[in-house]
């Protein structure tokens, strides 16, 4: 089976995604059918448990998007549980060293490439041959979101099995003691982008909306999220009200 979002990224094209925090599998299916390349279920900050995430991954798979998950921490079992439920991409938060990146890569793939435990399997909707293609199909992005990670990003991205990164701009700014958009903050983001190019890894970043996402894509980022489900609903509600009231 092909991970269409990963294939798009590897071909040099951007892949556009959305983050889901609200814990609704129904909404996950609706967003997938809207045409995003991937949909990211956010275990770290969102209202997801294993049961709702399983339903969401299946609903996403019925649309055009690839189901992905941000796990709540860099934990072997948390990564395995998200994969067993059907995530085809994993984002690991707060990866600050090559050792932590190696731990994430080890958890994501079956032996001999890694140490993932085989379950027979909640990801049954992918078919009985899932174990034969999962290692190649699954996409792994480590989050670069601290000053420490930005300083050693070349070494982090050199780890085999890491496909790319996903910058958390707000946490990076907080870690650096800077405001979002500060010149030094933007320089750190550019340094991560340059490191991805140097290491032939896929550069990713979270953006708060479509305009910000387009700016990052023009900058050279490819694995890009354009806001979250709450923002989509709030923005849609405001637009309906604007059309009704003219304000």
Protein backbone atom coordinates (compact mmCIF):
# COMPACT_ATOMS: atom_id res chain seq x y z
CA UNK A 1 0.00 0.00 0.00
CA UNK A 2 1.18 3.52 -0.79
CA UNK A 3 1.25 6.41 1.69
CA UNK A 4 0.22 9.06 -0.83
CA UNK A 5 1.26 11.97 1.38
CA UNK A 6 4.72 10.49 1.95
CA UNK A 7 5.13 9.82 -1.76
CA UNK A 8 4.15 13.39 -2.52
CA UNK A 9 6.70 14.70 -0.02
CA UNK A 10 9.47 12.45 -1.34
CA UNK A 11 8.80 13.71 -4.87
CA UNK A 12 9.51 17.26 -3.72
CA UNK A 13 5.93 18.49 -3.57
CA UNK A 14 4.26 20.04 -0.52
CA UNK A 15 1.62 18.11 1.41
CA UNK A 16 -1.08 20.12 3.16
CA UNK A 17 -2.64 18.90 6.38
CA UNK A 18 -4.83 19.90 9.28
CA UNK A 19 -4.50 19.16 13.01
CA UNK A 20 -7.44 17.58 14.84
CA UNK A 21 -7.77 18.37 18.55
CA UNK A 22 -11.49 17.99 19.24
CA UNK A 23 -11.66 14.21 19.51
CA UNK A 24 -14.39 13.75 16.88
CA UNK A 25 -14.05 10.83 14.43
CA UNK A 26 -17.01 12.23 12.48
CA UNK A 27 -15.19 15.50 11.96
CA UNK A 28 -12.05 13.56 10.99
CA UNK A 29 -13.93 11.91 8.14
CA UNK A 30 -15.43 15.20 6.97
CA UNK A 31 -12.03 16.90 6.90
CA UNK A 32 -10.46 13.97 5.04
CA UNK A 33 -13.07 14.20 2.30
CA UNK A 34 -12.34 17.93 1.92
CA UNK A 35 -9.13 17.05 0.08
CA UNK A 36 -6.27 17.52 2.53
CA UNK A 37 -3.20 15.38 1.86
CA UNK A 38 -3.04 14.25 5.49
CA UNK A 39 -4.97 14.68 8.73
CA UNK A 40 -3.03 14.77 12.00
CA UNK A 41 -4.76 13.37 15.10
CA UNK A 42 -3.17 15.21 18.04
CA UNK A 43 -2.79 12.93 21.06
CA UNK A 44 -0.48 15.47 22.74
CA UNK A 45 -2.86 18.41 23.08
CA UNK A 46 -6.15 17.04 21.77
CA UNK A 47 -9.12 15.26 23.33
CA UNK A 48 -8.30 11.80 21.90
CA UNK A 49 -8.21 8.38 23.48
CA UNK A 50 -7.36 5.06 21.83
CA UNK A 51 -10.95 4.26 20.88
CA UNK A 52 -11.75 7.62 19.31
CA UNK A 53 -8.38 7.69 17.52
CA UNK A 54 -9.04 4.23 16.02
CA UNK A 55 -12.40 5.44 14.71
CA UNK A 56 -10.79 8.63 13.38
CA UNK A 57 -8.01 6.80 11.52
CA UNK A 58 -10.59 4.57 9.85
CA UNK A 59 -12.79 7.54 8.95
CA UNK A 60 -9.81 9.43 7.50
CA UNK A 61 -8.86 6.37 5.45
CA UNK A 62 -12.27 6.45 3.76
CA UNK A 63 -11.49 9.91 2.39
CA UNK A 64 -8.56 11.15 0.36
CA UNK A 65 -6.23 12.02 3.25
CA UNK A 66 -3.56 9.93 4.98
CA UNK A 67 -4.13 9.44 8.73
CA UNK A 68 -1.28 10.60 10.94
CA UNK A 69 -0.84 11.12 14.67
CA UNK A 70 1.17 13.29 16.99
CA UNK A 71 1.83 11.09 20.01
CA UNK A 72 1.76 12.57 23.49
CA UNK A 73 5.46 11.92 24.10
CA UNK A 74 8.48 10.10 22.69
CA UNK A 75 7.42 6.76 24.13
CA UNK A 76 7.86 3.32 22.54
CA UNK A 77 4.40 2.13 23.56
CA UNK A 78 2.58 5.37 22.71
CA UNK A 79 4.06 5.27 19.21
CA UNK A 80 3.19 1.59 18.79
CA UNK A 81 -0.40 2.07 19.93
CA UNK A 82 -0.98 4.90 17.44
CA UNK A 83 0.47 2.80 14.62
CA UNK A 84 -1.53 -0.28 15.62
CA UNK A 85 -4.70 1.78 15.35
CA UNK A 86 -3.92 2.86 11.80
CA UNK A 87 -1.72 5.96 11.76
CA UNK A 88 0.51 5.98 8.67
CA UNK A 89 2.51 8.94 9.90
CA UNK A 90 3.92 9.69 13.33
CA UNK A 91 4.97 13.08 14.70
CA UNK A 92 7.04 12.88 17.88
CA UNK A 93 7.16 15.99 20.10
CA UNK A 94 10.13 17.52 21.90
CA UNK A 95 12.94 15.62 20.20
CA UNK A 96 16.05 17.38 21.48
CA UNK A 97 18.93 15.03 20.67
CA UNK A 98 20.06 12.37 18.19
CA UNK A 99 19.52 9.74 20.90
CA UNK A 100 15.87 10.73 21.24
CA UNK A 101 15.48 10.67 17.46
CA UNK A 102 16.94 7.16 17.34
CA UNK A 103 14.44 6.03 19.99
CA UNK A 104 11.57 7.35 17.89
CA UNK A 105 12.84 5.66 14.72
CA UNK A 106 13.30 2.37 16.59
CA UNK A 107 9.69 2.49 17.82
CA UNK A 108 8.18 3.26 14.42
CA UNK A 109 9.46 0.30 12.39
CA UNK A 110 9.34 -3.47 12.67
CA UNK A 111 12.58 -5.50 12.90
CA UNK A 112 15.14 -5.53 11.46
CA UNK A 113 14.88 -1.76 10.87
CA UNK A 114 13.44 -1.12 14.34
CA UNK A 115 11.83 -2.75 17.34
CA UNK A 116 8.11 -2.20 16.88
CA UNK A 117 6.00 -4.98 18.36
CA UNK A 118 3.66 -6.76 15.96
CA UNK A 119 -0.05 -6.77 16.78
CA UNK A 120 -2.58 -8.74 14.84
CA UNK A 121 -3.95 -5.87 14.48
CA UNK A 122 -6.36 -3.07 15.01
CA UNK A 123 -5.21 -1.71 11.64
CA UNK A 124 -7.09 -4.58 9.95
CA UNK A 125 -8.73 -2.17 7.50
CA UNK A 126 -5.38 -2.08 5.68
CA UNK A 127 -5.52 -5.81 4.92
CA UNK A 128 -3.62 -8.94 6.01
CA UNK A 129 -0.37 -7.90 4.30
CA UNK A 130 0.01 -4.76 6.45
CA UNK A 131 3.18 -6.04 8.10
CA UNK A 132 4.94 -6.43 4.76
CA UNK A 133 4.66 -2.79 3.69
CA UNK A 134 4.28 -0.79 6.91
CA UNK A 135 7.99 -0.05 7.40
CA UNK A 136 8.26 1.61 4.01
CA UNK A 137 4.90 3.38 4.15
CA UNK A 138 5.01 4.93 7.61
CA UNK A 139 6.30 8.51 7.75
CA UNK A 140 8.24 9.74 10.80
CA UNK A 141 8.68 13.42 11.61
CA UNK A 142 10.44 14.59 14.76
CA UNK A 143 9.46 17.91 16.26
CA UNK A 144 12.08 20.63 16.46
CA UNK A 145 10.59 23.00 19.00
CA UNK A 146 13.29 23.99 21.48
CA UNK A 147 16.47 26.03 21.31
CA UNK A 148 18.41 22.86 22.19
CA UNK A 149 16.91 20.96 19.25
CA UNK A 150 17.54 23.83 16.85
CA UNK A 151 21.21 23.89 17.86
CA UNK A 152 21.76 20.19 17.11
CA UNK A 153 19.24 19.80 14.29
CA UNK A 154 21.87 18.55 11.81
CA UNK A 155 22.71 15.64 14.11
CA UNK A 156 19.04 14.89 14.81
CA UNK A 157 18.17 14.77 11.12
CA UNK A 158 21.16 12.56 10.36
CA UNK A 159 19.49 9.69 12.26
CA UNK A 160 18.48 6.85 9.95
CA UNK A 161 14.75 6.25 9.89
CA UNK A 162 13.81 9.88 10.51
CA UNK A 163 12.02 11.07 7.37
CA UNK A 164 11.74 14.72 8.29
CA UNK A 165 10.81 17.23 10.93
CA UNK A 166 7.86 19.37 11.94
CA UNK A 167 8.71 22.66 13.62
CA UNK A 168 6.55 23.84 16.51
CA UNK A 169 7.03 27.60 16.07
CA UNK A 170 5.31 28.69 19.28
CA UNK A 171 7.20 26.32 21.56
CA UNK A 172 10.43 27.21 19.76
CA UNK A 173 9.79 30.90 20.41
CA UNK A 174 8.98 30.22 24.07
CA UNK A 175 12.14 28.14 24.48
CA UNK A 176 14.22 30.94 22.96
CA UNK A 177 12.55 33.60 25.10
CA UNK A 178 11.37 35.41 21.99
CA UNK A 179 8.14 36.58 20.41
CA UNK A 180 6.80 34.75 17.38
CA UNK A 181 8.27 36.31 14.27
CA UNK A 182 11.26 37.83 16.01
CA UNK A 183 14.27 37.99 13.70
CA UNK A 184 16.24 35.46 15.75
CA UNK A 185 13.22 33.15 15.88
CA UNK A 186 12.86 33.26 12.10
CA UNK A 187 16.60 32.67 11.75
CA UNK A 188 16.29 29.50 13.83
CA UNK A 189 13.41 28.29 11.64
CA UNK A 190 15.52 28.95 8.55
CA UNK A 191 18.41 27.03 10.12
CA UNK A 192 16.16 24.00 10.55
CA UNK A 193 15.00 24.30 6.94
CA UNK A 194 18.60 24.48 5.74
CA UNK A 195 19.50 21.41 7.82
CA UNK A 196 16.68 19.46 6.16
CA UNK A 197 18.08 20.34 2.76
CA UNK A 198 21.60 19.41 3.86
CA UNK A 199 20.43 16.02 5.15
CA UNK A 200 17.90 15.34 2.36
CA UNK A 201 15.07 15.23 4.89
CA UNK A 202 11.55 16.61 4.55
CA UNK A 203 11.06 20.03 6.18
CA UNK A 204 7.81 20.57 8.02
CA UNK A 205 6.19 23.28 10.10
CA UNK A 206 2.87 24.10 11.74
CA UNK A 207 1.09 27.24 10.53
CA UNK A 208 -1.97 28.82 12.08
CA UNK A 209 -3.92 29.39 8.86
CA UNK A 210 -3.81 29.08 5.08
CA UNK A 211 -2.00 32.39 4.53
CA UNK A 212 0.76 31.45 6.97
CA UNK A 213 0.97 27.95 5.48
CA UNK A 214 1.37 29.35 1.97
CA UNK A 215 4.17 31.62 3.19
CA UNK A 216 6.00 28.63 4.70
CA UNK A 217 5.53 26.60 1.52
CA UNK A 218 7.02 29.44 -0.52
CA UNK A 219 9.91 29.48 1.97
CA UNK A 220 10.58 25.82 1.15
CA UNK A 221 8.66 23.80 3.74
CA UNK A 222 6.76 20.77 2.44
CA UNK A 223 5.09 18.96 5.38
CA UNK A 224 2.78 21.79 6.42
CA UNK A 225 -0.32 22.00 8.59
CA UNK A 226 -2.68 24.95 8.17
CA UNK A 227 -4.38 25.33 11.53
CA UNK A 228 -6.68 23.00 13.44
CA UNK A 229 -10.26 21.80 13.55
CA UNK A 230 -11.35 24.37 16.12
CA UNK A 231 -10.04 27.16 13.93
CA UNK A 232 -11.81 25.74 10.88
CA UNK A 233 -15.15 25.63 12.67
CA UNK A 234 -14.73 29.07 14.24
CA UNK A 235 -13.65 30.59 10.93
CA UNK A 236 -16.53 28.96 9.08
CA UNK A 237 -19.00 30.16 11.69
CA UNK A 238 -17.71 33.73 11.44
CA UNK A 239 -17.92 33.62 7.65
CA UNK A 240 -21.54 32.39 7.70
CA UNK A 241 -22.42 35.14 10.17
CA UNK A 242 -20.64 37.74 8.03
CA UNK A 243 -22.65 36.67 4.99
CA UNK A 244 -25.89 36.76 6.98
CA UNK A 245 -25.35 40.10 8.66
CA UNK A 246 -22.92 41.86 6.35
CA UNK A 247 -20.57 42.59 9.24
